[in-house]
Amino acid sequence: MVPQTFLNSSILIANLFVLLALRRIISLRSQKEMKKKLFDAAFWISLATLLFFWSSLFYVLIFAALFLFRITDIKNWIIPLIGVLTVAVIVASVLIATGYDISNYVTSIDYDISLDFTNLNSGQIIIASTIILSYFVWSLFYYVRNIKNKAKSLKPSYFLILIATLLAAIIIIISPIKTGAEFIFLFAPLSIVLTNYIEVSSEKWFKEVLIWILIITPFISLVL
């Protein structure tokens, strides 16, 4: 539905790094190798931030996980900062080795915020974003309501997916250059939210309609 997501290689790779971080964050539920997982998560998000600055919002997920999984050891709260520092040291070392001015690199980072959606004013993106927004609002309502029925040990993971979805939505809203590529951050967490709704829904015909809309819409978009 949004082929623009494949046109920006930086955002595409940044999203891949975010997904790798999300995997490590959710796996904290096992309470095993926590320091390694926290370091990896911060490391991946830091790499994503180098490619697309607003990927940095996903740092919130790390500290949300520490809170939700009730990880109170202060050492574990420091580990993510070490992951960030590691990437910073590597980048600084590469810049120095290649003779690139660090101050110029810092000033070149695009951390602007824009609420101008003019670039998204095309039939294809309007249709896709309308469907995505509708699915987002509809499934999110049931997802939140269904969390209370989940096992206590699983609830933190569900909340983390919810937070990831909201962070992705924020990125879409504030992204400085809106091309449609930024929608890719929303696809993974939203697909999990929507799948959970489809699993609990008892109305088979409605589930079929939801899926067929997703299948047919890209073909309709091609002629717009």
N, C-alpha and C. Protein backbone atom coordinates (compact mmCIF):
# COMPACT_ATOMS: atom_id res chain seq x y z
N MET A 1 0.82 -1.22 0.00
CA MET A 1 0.00 0.00 0.00
C MET A 1 0.85 1.26 0.00
N VAL A 2 2.02 1.19 0.60
CA VAL A 2 2.90 2.37 0.68
C VAL A 2 4.27 1.98 0.12
N PRO A 3 4.40 1.91 -1.20
CA PRO A 3 5.69 1.51 -1.79
C PRO A 3 6.81 2.49 -1.50
N GLN A 4 6.44 3.71 -1.07
CA GLN A 4 7.47 4.72 -0.74
C GLN A 4 8.37 4.25 0.40
N THR A 5 7.90 3.30 1.19
CA THR A 5 8.71 2.82 2.31
C THR A 5 9.98 2.11 1.85
N PHE A 6 10.01 1.70 0.57
CA PHE A 6 11.18 0.98 0.05
C PHE A 6 12.13 1.89 -0.73
N LEU A 7 11.80 3.18 -0.80
CA LEU A 7 12.59 4.10 -1.61
C LEU A 7 13.69 4.81 -0.83
N ASN A 8 13.58 4.79 0.49
CA ASN A 8 14.58 5.45 1.32
C ASN A 8 15.37 4.37 2.07
N SER A 9 16.57 4.07 1.60
CA SER A 9 17.36 2.98 2.17
C SER A 9 17.77 3.25 3.61
N SER A 10 18.00 4.51 3.96
CA SER A 10 18.41 4.84 5.33
C SER A 10 17.31 4.50 6.32
N ILE A 11 16.08 4.91 6.01
CA ILE A 11 14.95 4.63 6.91
C ILE A 11 14.65 3.14 6.92
N LEU A 12 14.81 2.49 5.79
CA LEU A 12 14.56 1.04 5.69
C LEU A 12 15.50 0.28 6.61
N ILE A 13 16.79 0.62 6.57
CA ILE A 13 17.78 -0.05 7.41
C ILE A 13 17.60 0.34 8.88
N ALA A 14 17.25 1.61 9.11
CA ALA A 14 17.00 2.07 10.49
C ALA A 14 15.87 1.27 11.12
N ASN A 15 14.82 1.01 10.35
CA ASN A 15 13.70 0.22 10.86
C ASN A 15 14.13 -1.21 11.17
N LEU A 16 15.01 -1.76 10.34
CA LEU A 16 15.54 -3.10 10.60
C LEU A 16 16.27 -3.14 11.95
N PHE A 17 17.08 -2.14 12.21
CA PHE A 17 17.81 -2.06 13.49
C PHE A 17 16.83 -1.91 14.66
N VAL A 18 15.77 -1.13 14.47
CA VAL A 18 14.77 -0.96 15.52
C VAL A 18 14.08 -2.29 15.81
N LEU A 19 13.80 -3.07 14.78
CA LEU A 19 13.15 -4.37 14.97
C LEU A 19 14.07 -5.33 15.72
N LEU A 20 15.36 -5.28 15.42
CA LEU A 20 16.32 -6.12 16.15
C LEU A 20 16.37 -5.72 17.63
N ALA A 21 16.29 -4.40 17.87
CA ALA A 21 16.26 -3.91 19.25
C ALA A 21 14.98 -4.33 19.96
N LEU A 22 13.86 -4.24 19.24
CA LEU A 22 12.57 -4.62 19.83
C LEU A 22 12.56 -6.08 20.23
N ARG A 23 13.16 -6.91 19.41
CA ARG A 23 13.26 -8.34 19.72
C ARG A 23 14.01 -8.57 21.03
N ARG A 24 15.12 -7.86 21.20
CA ARG A 24 15.93 -8.00 22.41
C ARG A 24 15.19 -7.45 23.64
N ILE A 25 14.46 -6.36 23.45
CA ILE A 25 13.74 -5.74 24.56
C ILE A 25 12.64 -6.66 25.07
N ILE A 26 11.86 -7.22 24.16
CA ILE A 26 10.76 -8.10 24.56
C ILE A 26 11.30 -9.38 25.22
N SER A 27 12.47 -9.83 24.76
CA SER A 27 13.03 -11.05 25.33
C SER A 27 13.52 -10.86 26.76
N LEU A 28 13.51 -9.63 27.27
CA LEU A 28 13.87 -9.39 28.67
C LEU A 28 12.90 -10.09 29.62
N ARG A 29 11.75 -10.47 29.11
CA ARG A 29 10.75 -11.15 29.93
C ARG A 29 11.30 -12.41 30.58
N SER A 30 12.27 -13.06 29.94
CA SER A 30 12.84 -14.30 30.48
C SER A 30 13.77 -14.04 31.66
N GLN A 31 14.17 -12.75 31.86
CA GLN A 31 15.08 -12.36 32.94
C GLN A 31 16.44 -13.05 32.83
N LYS A 32 16.81 -13.46 31.62
CA LYS A 32 18.10 -14.10 31.39
C LYS A 32 18.97 -13.20 30.51
N GLU A 33 20.28 -13.16 30.81
CA GLU A 33 21.24 -12.36 30.05
C GLU A 33 20.74 -10.92 29.85
N MET A 34 20.22 -10.34 30.91
CA MET A 34 19.61 -9.02 30.80
C MET A 34 20.60 -7.95 30.37
N LYS A 35 21.80 -7.98 30.92
CA LYS A 35 22.79 -6.96 30.58
C LYS A 35 23.14 -7.00 29.09
N LYS A 36 23.29 -8.21 28.58
CA LYS A 36 23.61 -8.36 27.15
C LYS A 36 22.47 -7.85 26.28
N LYS A 37 21.24 -8.18 26.66
CA LYS A 37 20.07 -7.76 25.88
C LYS A 37 19.88 -6.25 25.93
N LEU A 38 20.10 -5.66 27.09
CA LEU A 38 19.97 -4.21 27.22
C LEU A 38 21.03 -3.48 26.40
N PHE A 39 22.24 -4.02 26.43
CA PHE A 39 23.33 -3.42 25.64
C PHE A 39 23.01 -3.52 24.15
N ASP A 40 22.57 -4.72 23.72
CA ASP A 40 22.26 -4.93 22.30
C ASP A 40 21.14 -4.00 21.84
N ALA A 41 20.09 -3.86 22.66
CA ALA A 41 18.96 -3.01 22.30
C ALA A 41 19.40 -1.56 22.11
N ALA A 42 20.18 -1.05 23.06
CA ALA A 42 20.67 0.33 22.97
C ALA A 42 21.61 0.49 21.78
N PHE A 43 22.42 -0.53 21.52
CA PHE A 43 23.36 -0.50 20.41
C PHE A 43 22.62 -0.41 19.07
N TRP A 44 21.58 -1.26 18.90
CA TRP A 44 20.82 -1.27 17.64
C TRP A 44 20.08 0.04 17.43
N ILE A 45 19.47 0.56 18.49
CA ILE A 45 18.72 1.82 18.36
C ILE A 45 19.68 2.97 18.06
N SER A 46 20.87 2.91 18.62
CA SER A 46 21.88 3.95 18.34
C SER A 46 22.29 3.91 16.87
N LEU A 47 22.45 2.72 16.32
CA LEU A 47 22.78 2.60 14.90
C LEU A 47 21.64 3.13 14.04
N ALA A 48 20.40 2.83 14.46
CA ALA A 48 19.23 3.34 13.73
C ALA A 48 19.19 4.87 13.77
N THR A 49 19.58 5.44 14.92
CA THR A 49 19.57 6.89 15.09
C THR A 49 20.57 7.56 14.16
N LEU A 50 21.68 6.88 13.89
CA LEU A 50 22.68 7.43 12.96
C LEU A 50 22.09 7.58 11.56
N LEU A 51 21.17 6.68 11.21
CA LEU A 51 20.58 6.71 9.87
C LEU A 51 19.35 7.60 9.80
N PHE A 52 18.59 7.64 10.89
CA PHE A 52 17.38 8.47 10.95
C PHE A 52 17.21 8.92 12.39
N PHE A 53 17.43 10.20 12.64
CA PHE A 53 17.55 10.70 14.01
C PHE A 53 16.36 10.33 14.89
N TRP A 54 15.14 10.44 14.38
CA TRP A 54 13.97 10.24 15.24
C TRP A 54 13.75 8.78 15.61
N SER A 55 14.60 7.89 15.12
CA SER A 55 14.59 6.51 15.63
C SER A 55 14.96 6.51 17.11
N SER A 56 15.60 7.58 17.56
CA SER A 56 16.02 7.70 18.96
C SER A 56 14.84 7.65 19.93
N LEU A 57 13.63 7.92 19.43
CA LEU A 57 12.46 7.84 20.31
C LEU A 57 12.28 6.44 20.89
N PHE A 58 12.80 5.44 20.19
CA PHE A 58 12.64 4.06 20.65
C PHE A 58 13.52 3.74 21.86
N TYR A 59 14.39 4.67 22.26
CA TYR A 59 15.09 4.49 23.54
C TYR A 59 14.09 4.39 24.68
N VAL A 60 12.95 5.04 24.50
CA VAL A 60 11.89 5.00 25.52
C VAL A 60 11.50 3.56 25.82
N LEU A 61 11.52 2.71 24.80
CA LEU A 61 11.14 1.31 24.97
C LEU A 61 12.05 0.58 25.96
N ILE A 62 13.34 0.91 25.93
CA ILE A 62 14.29 0.23 26.81
C ILE A 62 13.95 0.51 28.27
N PHE A 63 13.75 1.78 28.58
CA PHE A 63 13.48 2.14 29.97
C PHE A 63 12.06 1.77 30.38
N ALA A 64 11.15 1.74 29.41
CA ALA A 64 9.80 1.24 29.70
C ALA A 64 9.86 -0.24 30.07
N ALA A 65 10.73 -0.99 29.37
CA ALA A 65 10.89 -2.43 29.65
C ALA A 65 11.48 -2.64 31.04
N LEU A 66 12.46 -1.82 31.38
CA LEU A 66 13.06 -1.93 32.72
C LEU A 66 12.01 -1.71 33.80
N PHE A 67 11.12 -0.76 33.53
CA PHE A 67 10.06 -0.47 34.51
C PHE A 67 9.00 -1.57 34.53
N LEU A 68 8.54 -2.00 33.36
CA LEU A 68 7.46 -2.98 33.27
C LEU A 68 7.88 -4.36 33.75
N PHE A 69 9.13 -4.74 33.47
CA PHE A 69 9.63 -6.03 33.92
C PHE A 69 10.20 -5.97 35.34
N ARG A 70 10.08 -4.81 35.94
CA ARG A 70 10.51 -4.59 37.33
C ARG A 70 11.98 -4.96 37.54
N ILE A 71 12.80 -4.47 36.65
CA ILE A 71 14.25 -4.67 36.76
C ILE A 71 14.81 -3.47 37.53
N THR A 72 15.12 -3.68 38.77
CA THR A 72 15.46 -2.56 39.66
C THR A 72 16.96 -2.36 39.88
N ASP A 73 17.77 -3.34 39.51
CA ASP A 73 19.21 -3.22 39.71
C ASP A 73 19.73 -2.01 38.94
N ILE A 74 20.34 -1.07 39.63
CA ILE A 74 20.81 0.16 39.01
C ILE A 74 21.81 -0.09 37.89
N LYS A 75 22.55 -1.21 38.00
CA LYS A 75 23.53 -1.54 36.95
C LYS A 75 22.84 -1.76 35.61
N ASN A 76 21.67 -2.37 35.66
CA ASN A 76 20.93 -2.63 34.42
C ASN A 76 20.40 -1.35 33.79
N TRP A 77 20.17 -0.33 34.59
CA TRP A 77 19.72 0.96 34.06
C TRP A 77 20.86 1.73 33.41
N ILE A 78 22.08 1.40 33.80
CA ILE A 78 23.26 2.07 33.23
C ILE A 78 23.71 1.42 31.93
N ILE A 79 23.47 0.11 31.79
CA ILE A 79 23.92 -0.63 30.61
C ILE A 79 23.50 0.02 29.29
N PRO A 80 22.21 0.44 29.12
CA PRO A 80 21.83 1.08 27.85
C PRO A 80 22.68 2.31 27.52
N LEU A 81 23.06 3.06 28.55
CA LEU A 81 23.89 4.24 28.32
C LEU A 81 25.26 3.84 27.79
N ILE A 82 25.76 2.69 28.25
CA ILE A 82 27.04 2.19 27.76
C ILE A 82 26.92 1.79 26.29
N GLY A 83 25.75 1.21 25.92
CA GLY A 83 25.52 0.85 24.52
C GLY A 83 25.53 2.08 23.62
N VAL A 84 24.90 3.15 24.09
CA VAL A 84 24.89 4.41 23.34
C VAL A 84 26.30 4.97 23.22
N LEU A 85 27.02 4.97 24.34
CA LEU A 85 28.38 5.50 24.37
C LEU A 85 29.30 4.70 23.44
N THR A 86 29.10 3.39 23.37
CA THR A 86 29.92 2.54 22.50
C THR A 86 29.79 2.97 21.04
N VAL A 87 28.56 3.18 20.60
CA VAL A 87 28.33 3.63 19.22
C VAL A 87 28.93 5.01 18.99
N ALA A 88 28.78 5.89 19.98
CA ALA A 88 29.33 7.24 19.86
C ALA A 88 30.85 7.22 19.72
N VAL A 89 31.49 6.35 20.49
CA VAL A 89 32.96 6.23 20.43
C VAL A 89 33.40 5.68 19.08
N ILE A 90 32.68 4.67 18.58
CA ILE A 90 33.01 4.08 17.28
C ILE A 90 32.87 5.12 16.17
N VAL A 91 31.76 5.87 16.19
CA VAL A 91 31.53 6.90 15.16
C VAL A 91 32.61 7.97 15.24
N ALA A 92 32.92 8.44 16.45
CA ALA A 92 33.94 9.47 16.61
C ALA A 92 35.30 8.98 16.11
N SER A 93 35.60 7.72 16.38
CA SER A 93 36.87 7.14 15.95
C SER A 93 36.96 7.08 14.43
N VAL A 94 35.86 6.68 13.79
CA VAL A 94 35.82 6.60 12.33
C VAL A 94 35.97 7.99 11.72
N LEU A 95 35.28 8.97 12.29
CA LEU A 95 35.37 10.34 11.78
C LEU A 95 36.78 10.89 11.90
N ILE A 96 37.42 10.63 13.04
CA ILE A 96 38.79 11.11 13.25
C ILE A 96 39.75 10.41 12.29
N ALA A 97 39.56 9.09 12.12
CA ALA A 97 40.43 8.31 11.25
C ALA A 97 40.31 8.74 9.78
N THR A 98 39.12 9.18 9.39
CA THR A 98 38.90 9.59 8.00
C THR A 98 39.11 11.09 7.79
N GLY A 99 39.44 11.80 8.88
CA GLY A 99 39.71 13.23 8.77
C GLY A 99 38.47 14.09 8.64
N TYR A 100 37.30 13.53 8.99
CA TYR A 100 36.05 14.29 8.88
C TYR A 100 35.83 15.09 10.17
N ASP A 101 35.42 16.33 10.03
CA ASP A 101 35.22 17.19 11.19
C ASP A 101 33.99 16.75 11.99
N ILE A 102 34.19 16.45 13.27
CA ILE A 102 33.10 15.95 14.11
C ILE A 102 31.99 16.99 14.27
N SER A 103 32.39 18.26 14.42
CA SER A 103 31.38 19.31 14.60
C SER A 103 30.49 19.44 13.36
N ASN A 104 31.09 19.27 12.18
CA ASN A 104 30.30 19.33 10.94
C ASN A 104 29.32 18.16 10.87
N TYR A 105 29.78 17.01 11.36
CA TYR A 105 28.91 15.82 11.36
C TYR A 105 27.71 16.04 12.28
N VAL A 106 27.97 16.60 13.46
CA VAL A 106 26.90 16.83 14.44
C VAL A 106 25.87 17.83 13.90
N THR A 107 26.36 18.90 13.27
CA THR A 107 25.45 19.92 12.75
C THR A 107 24.68 19.44 11.53
N SER A 108 25.17 18.38 10.88
CA SER A 108 24.49 17.86 9.69
C SER A 108 23.32 16.94 10.03
N ILE A 109 23.21 16.57 11.31
CA ILE A 109 22.13 15.68 11.73
C ILE A 109 20.79 16.43 11.64
N ASP A 110 19.83 15.81 10.99
CA ASP A 110 18.52 16.44 10.79
C ASP A 110 17.59 16.06 11.95
N TYR A 111 17.54 16.93 12.95
CA TYR A 111 16.67 16.67 14.10
C TYR A 111 15.51 17.66 14.14
N ASP A 112 15.15 18.20 12.97
CA ASP A 112 14.03 19.13 12.89
C ASP A 112 12.71 18.39 13.06
N ILE A 113 11.68 19.16 13.36
CA ILE A 113 10.32 18.65 13.47
C ILE A 113 9.44 19.40 12.47
N SER A 114 8.63 18.68 11.74
CA SER A 114 7.75 19.31 10.78
C SER A 114 6.34 18.73 10.90
N LEU A 115 5.36 19.61 10.86
CA LEU A 115 3.96 19.19 10.88
C LEU A 115 3.30 19.51 9.53
N ASP A 116 4.14 19.68 8.52
CA ASP A 116 3.66 19.95 7.16
C ASP A 116 3.45 18.62 6.42
N PHE A 117 2.20 18.30 6.12
CA PHE A 117 1.87 17.02 5.49
C PHE A 117 1.60 17.18 3.99
N THR A 118 2.04 18.30 3.42
CA THR A 118 1.77 18.58 2.01
C THR A 118 2.32 17.49 1.09
N ASN A 119 3.51 16.98 1.42
CA ASN A 119 4.14 15.97 0.56
C ASN A 119 3.37 14.66 0.52
N LEU A 120 2.49 14.47 1.49
CA LEU A 120 1.70 13.24 1.55
C LEU A 120 0.35 13.38 0.86
N ASN A 121 0.18 14.53 0.21
CA ASN A 121 -1.12 14.82 -0.41
C ASN A 121 -1.22 14.20 -1.81
N SER A 122 -1.20 12.88 -1.84
CA SER A 122 -1.41 12.15 -3.10
C SER A 122 -2.47 11.08 -2.86
N GLY A 123 -3.19 10.73 -3.91
CA GLY A 123 -4.28 9.77 -3.77
C GLY A 123 -3.85 8.46 -3.16
N GLN A 124 -2.70 7.98 -3.60
CA GLN A 124 -2.20 6.69 -3.12
C GLN A 124 -1.92 6.71 -1.62
N ILE A 125 -1.21 7.74 -1.17
CA ILE A 125 -0.85 7.82 0.25
C ILE A 125 -2.07 8.13 1.11
N ILE A 126 -2.99 8.96 0.59
CA ILE A 126 -4.20 9.28 1.36
C ILE A 126 -5.03 8.03 1.61
N ILE A 127 -5.21 7.21 0.57
CA ILE A 127 -5.99 5.97 0.72
C ILE A 127 -5.29 5.03 1.70
N ALA A 128 -3.98 4.84 1.51
CA ALA A 128 -3.22 3.93 2.37
C ALA A 128 -3.23 4.40 3.82
N SER A 129 -2.97 5.70 4.03
CA SER A 129 -2.92 6.22 5.41
C SER A 129 -4.29 6.17 6.07
N THR A 130 -5.36 6.37 5.30
CA THR A 130 -6.72 6.28 5.85
C THR A 130 -7.01 4.86 6.34
N ILE A 131 -6.64 3.88 5.51
CA ILE A 131 -6.86 2.48 5.88
C ILE A 131 -6.01 2.12 7.10
N ILE A 132 -4.74 2.53 7.08
CA ILE A 132 -3.83 2.22 8.19
C ILE A 132 -4.33 2.86 9.48
N LEU A 133 -4.76 4.14 9.39
CA LEU A 133 -5.26 4.84 10.57
C LEU A 133 -6.52 4.16 11.10
N SER A 134 -7.40 3.75 10.20
CA SER A 134 -8.64 3.08 10.61
C SER A 134 -8.33 1.77 11.31
N TYR A 135 -7.42 0.98 10.73
CA TYR A 135 -7.02 -0.28 11.34
C TYR A 135 -6.36 -0.04 12.69
N PHE A 136 -5.55 1.02 12.74
CA PHE A 136 -4.82 1.36 13.96
C PHE A 136 -5.78 1.66 15.10
N VAL A 137 -6.74 2.56 14.86
CA VAL A 137 -7.68 2.97 15.91
C VAL A 137 -8.58 1.80 16.31
N TRP A 138 -9.10 1.08 15.32
CA TRP A 138 -10.03 -0.01 15.59
C TRP A 138 -9.38 -1.13 16.39
N SER A 139 -8.22 -1.61 15.90
CA SER A 139 -7.56 -2.74 16.55
C SER A 139 -6.95 -2.34 17.89
N LEU A 140 -6.51 -1.08 18.00
CA LEU A 140 -5.88 -0.62 19.24
C LEU A 140 -6.88 -0.64 20.40
N PHE A 141 -8.11 -0.28 20.10
CA PHE A 141 -9.16 -0.28 21.12
C PHE A 141 -9.33 -1.68 21.70
N TYR A 142 -9.41 -2.68 20.84
CA TYR A 142 -9.59 -4.06 21.30
C TYR A 142 -8.31 -4.61 21.93
N TYR A 143 -7.16 -4.17 21.40
CA TYR A 143 -5.88 -4.63 21.93
C TYR A 143 -5.72 -4.20 23.39
N VAL A 144 -6.02 -2.92 23.65
CA VAL A 144 -5.89 -2.39 25.02
C VAL A 144 -6.88 -3.09 25.95
N ARG A 145 -8.10 -3.27 25.46
CA ARG A 145 -9.13 -3.91 26.28
C ARG A 145 -8.78 -5.36 26.58
N ASN A 146 -8.07 -6.01 25.65
CA ASN A 146 -7.76 -7.43 25.80
C ASN A 146 -6.54 -7.69 26.67
N ILE A 147 -5.73 -6.66 26.93
CA ILE A 147 -4.52 -6.83 27.73
C ILE A 147 -4.84 -7.36 29.12
N LYS A 148 -5.94 -6.87 29.70
CA LYS A 148 -6.29 -7.27 31.06
C LYS A 148 -6.60 -8.77 31.17
N ASN A 149 -6.91 -9.41 30.04
CA ASN A 149 -7.21 -10.85 30.05
C ASN A 149 -5.97 -11.72 29.87
N LYS A 150 -4.84 -11.08 29.63
CA LYS A 150 -3.60 -11.83 29.42
C LYS A 150 -2.96 -12.21 30.76
N ALA A 151 -2.13 -13.24 30.69
CA ALA A 151 -1.41 -13.66 31.89
C ALA A 151 -0.52 -12.53 32.39
N LYS A 152 -0.33 -12.46 33.68
CA LYS A 152 0.44 -11.38 34.30
C LYS A 152 1.85 -11.29 33.72
N SER A 153 2.44 -12.44 33.42
CA SER A 153 3.82 -12.45 32.90
C SER A 153 3.90 -11.93 31.47
N LEU A 154 2.77 -11.94 30.75
CA LEU A 154 2.77 -11.51 29.35
C LEU A 154 2.38 -10.04 29.18
N LYS A 155 1.74 -9.47 30.18
CA LYS A 155 1.23 -8.10 30.05
C LYS A 155 2.32 -7.08 29.71
N PRO A 156 3.52 -7.15 30.33
CA PRO A 156 4.55 -6.16 29.97
C PRO A 156 4.89 -6.18 28.49
N SER A 157 4.96 -7.37 27.87
CA SER A 157 5.27 -7.47 26.45
C SER A 157 4.20 -6.80 25.60
N TYR A 158 2.94 -6.98 25.99
CA TYR A 158 1.84 -6.35 25.26
C TYR A 158 1.89 -4.83 25.40
N PHE A 159 2.24 -4.36 26.57
CA PHE A 159 2.36 -2.92 26.76
C PHE A 159 3.52 -2.35 25.94
N LEU A 160 4.61 -3.10 25.82
CA LEU A 160 5.76 -2.64 25.04
C LEU A 160 5.40 -2.51 23.56
N ILE A 161 4.62 -3.46 23.03
CA ILE A 161 4.17 -3.36 21.65
C ILE A 161 3.28 -2.14 21.47
N LEU A 162 2.43 -1.89 22.46
CA LEU A 162 1.56 -0.72 22.42
C LEU A 162 2.38 0.57 22.40
N ILE A 163 3.40 0.64 23.25
CA ILE A 163 4.27 1.82 23.29
C ILE A 163 5.01 1.98 21.97
N ALA A 164 5.50 0.87 21.40
CA ALA A 164 6.22 0.92 20.12
C ALA A 164 5.31 1.45 19.01
N THR A 165 4.05 1.05 19.05
CA THR A 165 3.08 1.53 18.05
C THR A 165 2.87 3.03 18.17
N LEU A 166 2.73 3.51 19.39
CA LEU A 166 2.52 4.94 19.62
C LEU A 166 3.76 5.76 19.25
N LEU A 167 4.94 5.22 19.54
CA LEU A 167 6.18 5.91 19.17
C LEU A 167 6.32 6.02 17.65
N ALA A 168 5.95 4.94 16.96
CA ALA A 168 5.99 4.95 15.49
C ALA A 168 5.03 5.98 14.92
N ALA A 169 3.86 6.10 15.54
CA ALA A 169 2.88 7.10 15.10
C ALA A 169 3.42 8.51 15.31
N ILE A 170 4.12 8.72 16.42
CA ILE A 170 4.73 10.04 16.69
C ILE A 170 5.78 10.37 15.65
N ILE A 171 6.58 9.37 15.27
CA ILE A 171 7.62 9.58 14.25
C ILE A 171 6.99 10.02 12.92
N ILE A 172 5.88 9.38 12.56
CA ILE A 172 5.18 9.75 11.32
C ILE A 172 4.72 11.20 11.38
N ILE A 173 4.25 11.63 12.54
CA ILE A 173 3.71 12.98 12.69
C ILE A 173 4.81 14.04 12.66
N ILE A 174 5.94 13.79 13.33
CA ILE A 174 6.97 14.84 13.48
C ILE A 174 8.11 14.73 12.49
N SER A 175 8.14 13.68 11.69
CA SER A 175 9.25 13.49 10.73
C SER A 175 9.47 14.75 9.91
N PRO A 176 10.72 15.23 9.80
CA PRO A 176 10.98 16.51 9.12
C PRO A 176 10.67 16.50 7.63
N ILE A 177 10.99 15.39 6.95
CA ILE A 177 10.71 15.28 5.52
C ILE A 177 9.76 14.11 5.32
N LYS A 178 8.51 14.42 5.05
CA LYS A 178 7.49 13.37 4.95
C LYS A 178 7.39 12.89 3.50
N THR A 179 7.84 11.67 3.28
CA THR A 179 7.78 11.09 1.94
C THR A 179 6.90 9.85 1.90
N GLY A 180 6.47 9.38 3.06
CA GLY A 180 5.73 8.13 3.15
C GLY A 180 6.62 7.01 3.64
N ALA A 181 7.95 7.19 3.53
CA ALA A 181 8.90 6.15 3.96
C ALA A 181 8.84 5.94 5.46
N GLU A 182 8.49 6.99 6.21
CA GLU A 182 8.46 6.91 7.67
C GLU A 182 7.34 5.99 8.19
N PHE A 183 6.40 5.64 7.32
CA PHE A 183 5.31 4.73 7.73
C PHE A 183 5.84 3.35 8.09
N ILE A 184 7.02 3.01 7.61
CA ILE A 184 7.54 1.66 7.82
C ILE A 184 7.74 1.35 9.30
N PHE A 185 8.00 2.36 10.12
CA PHE A 185 8.19 2.13 11.55
C PHE A 185 6.90 1.61 12.22
N LEU A 186 5.77 1.91 11.60
CA LEU A 186 4.49 1.53 12.18
C LEU A 186 4.08 0.11 11.83
N PHE A 187 4.59 -0.42 10.71
CA PHE A 187 4.06 -1.67 10.17
C PHE A 187 4.23 -2.87 11.10
N ALA A 188 5.41 -3.04 11.68
CA ALA A 188 5.65 -4.23 12.52
C ALA A 188 4.78 -4.22 13.79
N PRO A 189 4.83 -3.16 14.61
CA PRO A 189 3.99 -3.18 15.82
C PRO A 189 2.50 -3.19 15.50
N LEU A 190 2.09 -2.48 14.43
CA LEU A 190 0.67 -2.47 14.08
C LEU A 190 0.21 -3.84 13.60
N SER A 191 1.07 -4.56 12.89
CA SER A 191 0.70 -5.90 12.43
C SER A 191 0.49 -6.84 13.62
N ILE A 192 1.27 -6.64 14.69
CA ILE A 192 1.10 -7.46 15.89
C ILE A 192 -0.21 -7.12 16.57
N VAL A 193 -0.51 -5.82 16.67
CA VAL A 193 -1.76 -5.37 17.29
C VAL A 193 -2.96 -5.89 16.50
N LEU A 194 -2.89 -5.77 15.17
CA LEU A 194 -4.00 -6.20 14.32
C LEU A 194 -4.18 -7.72 14.37
N THR A 195 -3.07 -8.44 14.38
CA THR A 195 -3.14 -9.90 14.44
C THR A 195 -3.79 -10.36 15.74
N ASN A 196 -3.47 -9.69 16.83
CA ASN A 196 -4.10 -10.03 18.11
C ASN A 196 -5.61 -9.81 18.06
N TYR A 197 -6.03 -8.73 17.36
CA TYR A 197 -7.46 -8.49 17.24
C TYR A 197 -8.12 -9.59 16.41
N ILE A 198 -7.49 -9.97 15.29
CA ILE A 198 -8.05 -11.01 14.42
C ILE A 198 -8.15 -12.34 15.17
N GLU A 199 -7.20 -12.60 16.04
CA GLU A 199 -7.21 -13.85 16.80
C GLU A 199 -8.39 -13.92 17.78
N VAL A 200 -8.73 -12.79 18.38
CA VAL A 200 -9.78 -12.81 19.41
C VAL A 200 -11.17 -12.53 18.83
N SER A 201 -11.22 -11.99 17.62
CA SER A 201 -12.52 -11.67 17.02
C SER A 201 -13.26 -12.94 16.64
N SER A 202 -14.55 -12.98 16.96
CA SER A 202 -15.37 -14.15 16.66
C SER A 202 -16.13 -14.02 15.36
N GLU A 203 -16.10 -12.83 14.75
CA GLU A 203 -16.83 -12.58 13.51
C GLU A 203 -15.94 -12.89 12.31
N LYS A 204 -16.11 -14.08 11.75
CA LYS A 204 -15.24 -14.55 10.67
C LYS A 204 -15.36 -13.67 9.44
N TRP A 205 -16.58 -13.25 9.08
CA TRP A 205 -16.78 -12.46 7.87
C TRP A 205 -16.05 -11.12 7.97
N PHE A 206 -16.04 -10.53 9.19
CA PHE A 206 -15.38 -9.24 9.38
C PHE A 206 -13.87 -9.39 9.24
N LYS A 207 -13.33 -10.47 9.77
CA LYS A 207 -11.89 -10.73 9.65
C LYS A 207 -11.50 -10.90 8.18
N GLU A 208 -12.36 -11.58 7.43
CA GLU A 208 -12.10 -11.79 6.00
C GLU A 208 -12.08 -10.46 5.26
N VAL A 209 -13.02 -9.58 5.63
CA VAL A 209 -13.08 -8.26 4.99
C VAL A 209 -11.81 -7.47 5.27
N LEU A 210 -11.36 -7.49 6.51
CA LEU A 210 -10.13 -6.77 6.87
C LEU A 210 -8.95 -7.23 6.05
N ILE A 211 -8.80 -8.53 5.91
CA ILE A 211 -7.67 -9.09 5.18
C ILE A 211 -7.77 -8.79 3.68
N TRP A 212 -8.99 -8.93 3.12
CA TRP A 212 -9.17 -8.68 1.69
C TRP A 212 -8.93 -7.22 1.34
N ILE A 213 -9.27 -6.31 2.24
CA ILE A 213 -8.98 -4.89 2.00
C ILE A 213 -7.48 -4.67 1.86
N LEU A 214 -6.71 -5.34 2.74
CA LEU A 214 -5.24 -5.22 2.69
C LEU A 214 -4.68 -5.79 1.38
N ILE A 215 -5.32 -6.82 0.87
CA ILE A 215 -4.84 -7.47 -0.36
C ILE A 215 -5.20 -6.64 -1.60
N ILE A 216 -6.42 -6.11 -1.63
CA ILE A 216 -6.92 -5.43 -2.82
C ILE A 216 -6.40 -4.00 -2.95
N THR A 217 -6.24 -3.30 -1.82
CA THR A 217 -5.85 -1.88 -1.84
C THR A 217 -4.58 -1.59 -2.65
N PRO A 218 -3.49 -2.38 -2.52
CA PRO A 218 -2.30 -2.08 -3.32
C PRO A 218 -2.57 -2.09 -4.82
N PHE A 219 -3.44 -2.97 -5.29
CA PHE A 219 -3.76 -3.03 -6.72
C PHE A 219 -4.55 -1.80 -7.15
N ILE A 220 -5.47 -1.35 -6.26
CA ILE A 220 -6.23 -0.14 -6.57
C ILE A 220 -5.30 1.08 -6.60
N SER A 221 -4.34 1.09 -5.69
CA SER A 221 -3.40 2.23 -5.60
C SER A 221 -2.55 2.36 -6.86
N LEU A 222 -2.30 1.26 -7.53
CA LEU A 222 -1.46 1.27 -8.72
C LEU A 222 -2.07 2.12 -9.85
N VAL A 223 -3.37 2.22 -9.89
CA VAL A 223 -4.02 2.95 -10.98
C VAL A 223 -4.29 4.41 -10.62
N LEU A 224 -3.93 4.81 -9.41
CA LEU A 224 -4.17 6.20 -8.98
C LEU A 224 -3.01 7.11 -9.40
